[in-house]
Amino acid sequence: QVHLVESGGGLVQPGGSLRLSCAASGSIFSISTMSWYRQAPGKQRELVATITTGDKITYADSVKGRFTISRDNAENRVYLQMNNLKPEDTARYYCNLRNPFGSTYWGQGTQVTVSS
């Protein structure tokens, strides 16, 4: 079984930065694709960034140049560095793990609020 726990969310002013962290249990982290998603009130959950086992990275257009995803396989963690935050980045951010067998797992999410 895989458990994902996100942390690092909070309230930040526009232009500020936050670093989200997701800790994964289990032994399959290093062979799994990790992603960050977000969901704002009244909106569908959307993909923010993905990093594969080979460190191939993709971003949503809305966050390119501002967000950076990274992973630490020794620590079973994935990070999302968010810079130049905008009010429209306000959402609950979720960590997602997809293993080579097609199973996916979600964390409980961490709230990010960008407001002055």
N, C-alpha and C. Protein backbone atom coordinates (compact mmCIF):
# COMPACT_ATOMS: atom_id res chain seq x y z
N GLN A 1 0.85 -1.18 0.00
CA GLN A 1 0.00 0.00 0.00
C GLN A 1 0.89 1.25 0.00
N VAL A 2 0.43 2.26 -0.67
CA VAL A 2 1.17 3.52 -0.78
C VAL A 2 0.39 4.62 -0.08
N HIS A 3 1.09 5.39 0.72
CA HIS A 3 0.49 6.56 1.36
C HIS A 3 1.30 7.78 0.97
N LEU A 4 0.57 8.83 0.61
CA LEU A 4 1.19 10.08 0.22
C LEU A 4 0.74 11.18 1.17
N VAL A 5 1.70 11.95 1.66
CA VAL A 5 1.37 13.03 2.60
C VAL A 5 2.01 14.32 2.10
N GLU A 6 1.15 15.29 1.77
CA GLU A 6 1.62 16.58 1.30
C GLU A 6 1.80 17.56 2.46
N SER A 7 2.70 18.49 2.28
CA SER A 7 2.90 19.55 3.26
C SER A 7 3.47 20.77 2.55
N GLY A 8 3.47 21.90 3.25
CA GLY A 8 4.09 23.11 2.72
C GLY A 8 3.14 24.16 2.22
N GLY A 9 1.85 23.87 2.22
CA GLY A 9 0.90 24.87 1.77
C GLY A 9 0.74 25.98 2.79
N GLY A 10 -0.01 27.01 2.39
CA GLY A 10 -0.25 28.11 3.30
C GLY A 10 -0.77 29.33 2.57
N LEU A 11 -0.78 30.44 3.29
CA LEU A 11 -1.22 31.73 2.74
C LEU A 11 0.01 32.53 2.36
N VAL A 12 0.00 33.05 1.14
CA VAL A 12 1.15 33.82 0.66
C VAL A 12 0.63 34.98 -0.18
N GLN A 13 1.37 36.07 -0.18
CA GLN A 13 0.98 37.23 -0.98
C GLN A 13 1.34 37.00 -2.45
N PRO A 14 0.65 37.67 -3.34
CA PRO A 14 1.03 37.59 -4.76
C PRO A 14 2.50 37.95 -4.96
N GLY A 15 3.17 37.16 -5.81
CA GLY A 15 4.59 37.34 -6.01
C GLY A 15 5.46 36.53 -5.08
N GLY A 16 4.86 35.93 -4.08
CA GLY A 16 5.61 35.15 -3.11
C GLY A 16 5.90 33.74 -3.60
N SER A 17 6.52 32.97 -2.71
CA SER A 17 6.93 31.61 -3.05
C SER A 17 6.50 30.63 -1.96
N LEU A 18 6.30 29.40 -2.37
CA LEU A 18 6.07 28.28 -1.46
C LEU A 18 6.75 27.06 -2.04
N ARG A 19 7.11 26.14 -1.15
CA ARG A 19 7.65 24.86 -1.58
C ARG A 19 6.80 23.75 -0.99
N LEU A 20 6.14 23.02 -1.86
CA LEU A 20 5.34 21.89 -1.43
C LEU A 20 6.21 20.63 -1.41
N SER A 21 5.89 19.76 -0.48
CA SER A 21 6.60 18.49 -0.36
C SER A 21 5.59 17.36 -0.25
N CYS A 22 5.92 16.23 -0.82
CA CYS A 22 5.07 15.05 -0.74
C CYS A 22 5.95 13.86 -0.34
N ALA A 23 5.62 13.27 0.79
CA ALA A 23 6.35 12.11 1.27
C ALA A 23 5.56 10.85 0.94
N ALA A 24 6.25 9.87 0.35
CA ALA A 24 5.59 8.62 -0.05
C ALA A 24 6.11 7.46 0.76
N SER A 25 5.19 6.60 1.17
CA SER A 25 5.58 5.37 1.84
C SER A 25 5.72 4.27 0.80
N GLY A 26 6.28 3.14 1.19
CA GLY A 26 6.41 2.03 0.26
C GLY A 26 7.71 2.04 -0.49
N SER A 27 7.92 1.00 -1.29
CA SER A 27 9.20 0.80 -1.95
C SER A 27 9.17 1.03 -3.45
N ILE A 28 8.05 1.57 -3.95
CA ILE A 28 7.93 1.70 -5.41
C ILE A 28 8.13 3.13 -5.88
N PHE A 29 8.49 4.02 -4.96
CA PHE A 29 8.58 5.43 -5.33
C PHE A 29 9.52 5.63 -6.51
N SER A 30 10.69 5.02 -6.44
CA SER A 30 11.73 5.29 -7.45
C SER A 30 11.35 4.79 -8.84
N ILE A 31 10.38 3.90 -8.93
CA ILE A 31 9.98 3.38 -10.25
C ILE A 31 8.63 3.94 -10.68
N SER A 32 8.18 4.98 -9.99
CA SER A 32 6.86 5.55 -10.26
C SER A 32 6.97 6.96 -10.80
N THR A 33 5.99 7.32 -11.61
CA THR A 33 5.84 8.69 -12.08
C THR A 33 5.11 9.50 -11.03
N MET A 34 5.63 10.66 -10.73
CA MET A 34 5.04 11.52 -9.71
C MET A 34 4.50 12.79 -10.35
N SER A 35 3.36 13.22 -9.87
CA SER A 35 2.73 14.43 -10.40
C SER A 35 2.15 15.26 -9.28
N TRP A 36 1.99 16.53 -9.58
CA TRP A 36 1.22 17.44 -8.74
C TRP A 36 -0.01 17.88 -9.53
N TYR A 37 -1.15 17.84 -8.89
CA TYR A 37 -2.40 18.33 -9.42
C TYR A 37 -2.91 19.42 -8.48
N ARG A 38 -3.87 20.19 -8.97
CA ARG A 38 -4.53 21.16 -8.11
C ARG A 38 -6.00 21.27 -8.48
N GLN A 39 -6.77 21.66 -7.49
CA GLN A 39 -8.20 21.83 -7.71
C GLN A 39 -8.68 23.07 -6.95
N ALA A 40 -9.21 24.00 -7.70
CA ALA A 40 -9.78 25.20 -7.12
C ALA A 40 -11.27 24.99 -6.90
N PRO A 41 -11.89 25.72 -5.99
CA PRO A 41 -13.33 25.56 -5.74
C PRO A 41 -14.14 25.74 -7.02
N GLY A 42 -15.02 24.79 -7.28
CA GLY A 42 -15.88 24.87 -8.44
C GLY A 42 -15.23 24.51 -9.76
N LYS A 43 -13.98 24.07 -9.70
CA LYS A 43 -13.26 23.71 -10.92
C LYS A 43 -12.80 22.26 -10.88
N GLN A 44 -12.51 21.74 -12.05
CA GLN A 44 -12.00 20.38 -12.13
C GLN A 44 -10.53 20.33 -11.70
N ARG A 45 -10.15 19.15 -11.22
CA ARG A 45 -8.75 18.96 -10.86
C ARG A 45 -7.91 19.02 -12.13
N GLU A 46 -6.78 19.73 -12.06
CA GLU A 46 -5.94 19.87 -13.23
C GLU A 46 -4.50 19.48 -12.93
N LEU A 47 -3.84 18.96 -13.96
CA LEU A 47 -2.44 18.55 -13.83
C LEU A 47 -1.55 19.79 -13.84
N VAL A 48 -0.65 19.85 -12.87
CA VAL A 48 0.26 20.99 -12.76
C VAL A 48 1.65 20.63 -13.30
N ALA A 49 2.18 19.50 -12.85
CA ALA A 49 3.53 19.11 -13.25
C ALA A 49 3.72 17.62 -13.04
N THR A 50 4.59 17.03 -13.88
CA THR A 50 4.89 15.61 -13.80
C THR A 50 6.38 15.39 -13.93
N ILE A 51 6.89 14.42 -13.18
CA ILE A 51 8.29 14.01 -13.32
C ILE A 51 8.31 12.48 -13.37
N THR A 52 8.94 11.95 -14.41
CA THR A 52 9.00 10.50 -14.58
C THR A 52 10.21 9.92 -13.85
N THR A 53 10.34 8.60 -13.93
CA THR A 53 11.48 7.94 -13.32
C THR A 53 12.79 8.34 -13.98
N GLY A 54 12.71 8.73 -15.24
CA GLY A 54 13.90 9.18 -15.96
C GLY A 54 14.07 10.69 -15.91
N ASP A 55 13.34 11.33 -14.99
CA ASP A 55 13.41 12.78 -14.79
C ASP A 55 12.93 13.58 -16.00
N LYS A 56 12.06 12.97 -16.79
CA LYS A 56 11.40 13.78 -17.83
C LYS A 56 10.32 14.60 -17.15
N ILE A 57 10.30 15.90 -17.43
CA ILE A 57 9.42 16.82 -16.72
C ILE A 57 8.50 17.54 -17.69
N THR A 58 7.25 17.67 -17.30
CA THR A 58 6.30 18.47 -18.06
C THR A 58 5.53 19.36 -17.11
N TYR A 59 5.10 20.50 -17.62
CA TYR A 59 4.35 21.48 -16.83
C TYR A 59 3.11 21.93 -17.59
N ALA A 60 2.11 22.32 -16.83
CA ALA A 60 0.98 23.02 -17.43
C ALA A 60 1.47 24.37 -17.92
N ASP A 61 0.88 24.84 -19.00
CA ASP A 61 1.31 26.13 -19.56
C ASP A 61 1.19 27.26 -18.54
N SER A 62 0.19 27.17 -17.69
CA SER A 62 -0.08 28.25 -16.74
C SER A 62 1.00 28.41 -15.67
N VAL A 63 1.86 27.40 -15.50
CA VAL A 63 2.87 27.47 -14.45
C VAL A 63 4.30 27.43 -14.99
N LYS A 64 4.45 27.27 -16.29
CA LYS A 64 5.79 27.20 -16.88
C LYS A 64 6.59 28.47 -16.55
N GLY A 65 7.84 28.24 -16.14
CA GLY A 65 8.71 29.36 -15.80
C GLY A 65 8.55 29.85 -14.38
N ARG A 66 7.53 29.35 -13.67
CA ARG A 66 7.31 29.77 -12.28
C ARG A 66 7.42 28.62 -11.30
N PHE A 67 7.01 27.43 -11.73
CA PHE A 67 7.02 26.25 -10.85
C PHE A 67 8.12 25.29 -11.29
N THR A 68 8.69 24.57 -10.32
CA THR A 68 9.70 23.57 -10.60
C THR A 68 9.40 22.31 -9.79
N ILE A 69 9.28 21.20 -10.50
CA ILE A 69 9.06 19.92 -9.84
C ILE A 69 10.40 19.19 -9.75
N SER A 70 10.60 18.49 -8.64
CA SER A 70 11.82 17.70 -8.47
C SER A 70 11.50 16.51 -7.58
N ARG A 71 12.41 15.53 -7.57
CA ARG A 71 12.19 14.35 -6.76
C ARG A 71 13.50 13.92 -6.11
N ASP A 72 13.37 13.27 -4.97
CA ASP A 72 14.50 12.72 -4.25
C ASP A 72 14.18 11.25 -3.98
N ASN A 73 14.72 10.37 -4.78
CA ASN A 73 14.37 8.96 -4.64
C ASN A 73 14.92 8.35 -3.34
N ALA A 74 16.01 8.90 -2.84
CA ALA A 74 16.57 8.39 -1.58
C ALA A 74 15.65 8.70 -0.41
N GLU A 75 14.92 9.81 -0.50
CA GLU A 75 14.03 10.23 0.58
C GLU A 75 12.57 9.93 0.28
N ASN A 76 12.29 9.36 -0.88
CA ASN A 76 10.89 9.10 -1.29
C ASN A 76 10.05 10.37 -1.22
N ARG A 77 10.59 11.44 -1.80
CA ARG A 77 9.87 12.71 -1.77
C ARG A 77 9.85 13.35 -3.15
N VAL A 78 8.78 14.07 -3.39
CA VAL A 78 8.67 14.91 -4.57
C VAL A 78 8.32 16.31 -4.10
N TYR A 79 8.86 17.29 -4.78
CA TYR A 79 8.70 18.68 -4.38
C TYR A 79 8.09 19.49 -5.51
N LEU A 80 7.47 20.60 -5.13
CA LEU A 80 7.01 21.58 -6.10
C LEU A 80 7.39 22.96 -5.57
N GLN A 81 8.39 23.54 -6.20
CA GLN A 81 8.79 24.90 -5.86
C GLN A 81 7.94 25.85 -6.68
N MET A 82 7.24 26.74 -6.00
CA MET A 82 6.32 27.65 -6.67
C MET A 82 6.77 29.07 -6.41
N ASN A 83 7.14 29.76 -7.47
CA ASN A 83 7.60 31.14 -7.38
C ASN A 83 6.64 32.07 -8.10
N ASN A 84 6.74 33.35 -7.79
CA ASN A 84 5.88 34.36 -8.43
C ASN A 84 4.42 33.92 -8.42
N LEU A 85 3.95 33.55 -7.27
CA LEU A 85 2.59 33.04 -7.16
C LEU A 85 1.56 34.11 -7.47
N LYS A 86 0.46 33.66 -8.08
CA LYS A 86 -0.62 34.54 -8.49
C LYS A 86 -1.92 34.11 -7.79
N PRO A 87 -2.87 35.02 -7.66
CA PRO A 87 -4.14 34.63 -7.03
C PRO A 87 -4.79 33.43 -7.71
N GLU A 88 -4.61 33.31 -9.01
CA GLU A 88 -5.22 32.18 -9.73
C GLU A 88 -4.53 30.84 -9.44
N ASP A 89 -3.43 30.86 -8.71
CA ASP A 89 -2.79 29.62 -8.26
C ASP A 89 -3.46 29.08 -6.99
N THR A 90 -4.36 29.84 -6.43
CA THR A 90 -5.06 29.39 -5.23
C THR A 90 -5.84 28.11 -5.52
N ALA A 91 -5.56 27.07 -4.75
CA ALA A 91 -6.18 25.76 -4.95
C ALA A 91 -5.68 24.81 -3.89
N ARG A 92 -6.29 23.66 -3.86
CA ARG A 92 -5.76 22.56 -3.05
C ARG A 92 -4.86 21.74 -3.97
N TYR A 93 -3.64 21.50 -3.52
CA TYR A 93 -2.64 20.82 -4.32
C TYR A 93 -2.49 19.37 -3.85
N TYR A 94 -2.52 18.47 -4.81
CA TYR A 94 -2.49 17.04 -4.52
C TYR A 94 -1.28 16.38 -5.17
N CYS A 95 -0.70 15.48 -4.44
CA CYS A 95 0.39 14.63 -4.94
C CYS A 95 -0.21 13.35 -5.51
N ASN A 96 0.34 12.91 -6.63
CA ASN A 96 -0.15 11.70 -7.29
C ASN A 96 1.02 10.80 -7.64
N LEU A 97 0.86 9.52 -7.37
CA LEU A 97 1.85 8.52 -7.75
C LEU A 97 1.21 7.54 -8.71
N ARG A 98 1.87 7.28 -9.82
CA ARG A 98 1.42 6.27 -10.77
C ARG A 98 2.52 5.23 -10.94
N ASN A 99 2.23 3.99 -10.56
CA ASN A 99 3.28 2.97 -10.63
C ASN A 99 3.30 2.31 -12.01
N PRO A 100 4.31 1.50 -12.30
CA PRO A 100 4.42 0.88 -13.62
C PRO A 100 3.29 -0.09 -13.95
N PHE A 101 2.50 -0.47 -12.96
CA PHE A 101 1.40 -1.41 -13.16
C PHE A 101 0.08 -0.69 -13.42
N GLY A 102 0.13 0.63 -13.48
CA GLY A 102 -1.07 1.41 -13.80
C GLY A 102 -1.89 1.87 -12.62
N SER A 103 -1.50 1.50 -11.42
CA SER A 103 -2.24 1.94 -10.23
C SER A 103 -1.83 3.36 -9.87
N THR A 104 -2.80 4.12 -9.39
CA THR A 104 -2.52 5.49 -8.98
C THR A 104 -2.95 5.70 -7.53
N TYR A 105 -2.27 6.60 -6.88
CA TYR A 105 -2.53 6.92 -5.48
C TYR A 105 -2.51 8.43 -5.30
N TRP A 106 -3.31 8.89 -4.34
CA TRP A 106 -3.44 10.32 -4.08
C TRP A 106 -3.19 10.61 -2.61
N GLY A 107 -2.64 11.81 -2.37
CA GLY A 107 -2.55 12.29 -1.01
C GLY A 107 -3.82 13.04 -0.65
N GLN A 108 -3.84 13.59 0.56
CA GLN A 108 -5.03 14.30 1.03
C GLN A 108 -5.05 15.76 0.60
N GLY A 109 -3.93 16.22 0.09
CA GLY A 109 -3.86 17.59 -0.41
C GLY A 109 -3.37 18.59 0.62
N THR A 110 -2.86 19.71 0.11
CA THR A 110 -2.45 20.82 0.95
C THR A 110 -2.95 22.12 0.30
N GLN A 111 -3.50 23.00 1.12
CA GLN A 111 -4.14 24.21 0.60
C GLN A 111 -3.11 25.30 0.36
N VAL A 112 -3.19 25.91 -0.81
CA VAL A 112 -2.37 27.08 -1.15
C VAL A 112 -3.33 28.23 -1.45
N THR A 113 -3.15 29.32 -0.73
CA THR A 113 -3.97 30.51 -0.93
C THR A 113 -3.06 31.69 -1.21
N VAL A 114 -3.29 32.33 -2.35
CA VAL A 114 -2.50 33.48 -2.75
C VAL A 114 -3.40 34.71 -2.69
N SER A 115 -3.11 35.56 -1.74
CA SER A 115 -3.98 36.72 -1.53
C SER A 115 -3.23 37.80 -0.78
N SER A 116 -3.59 39.05 -1.10
CA SER A 116 -3.00 40.18 -0.38
C SER A 116 -3.90 40.59 0.79
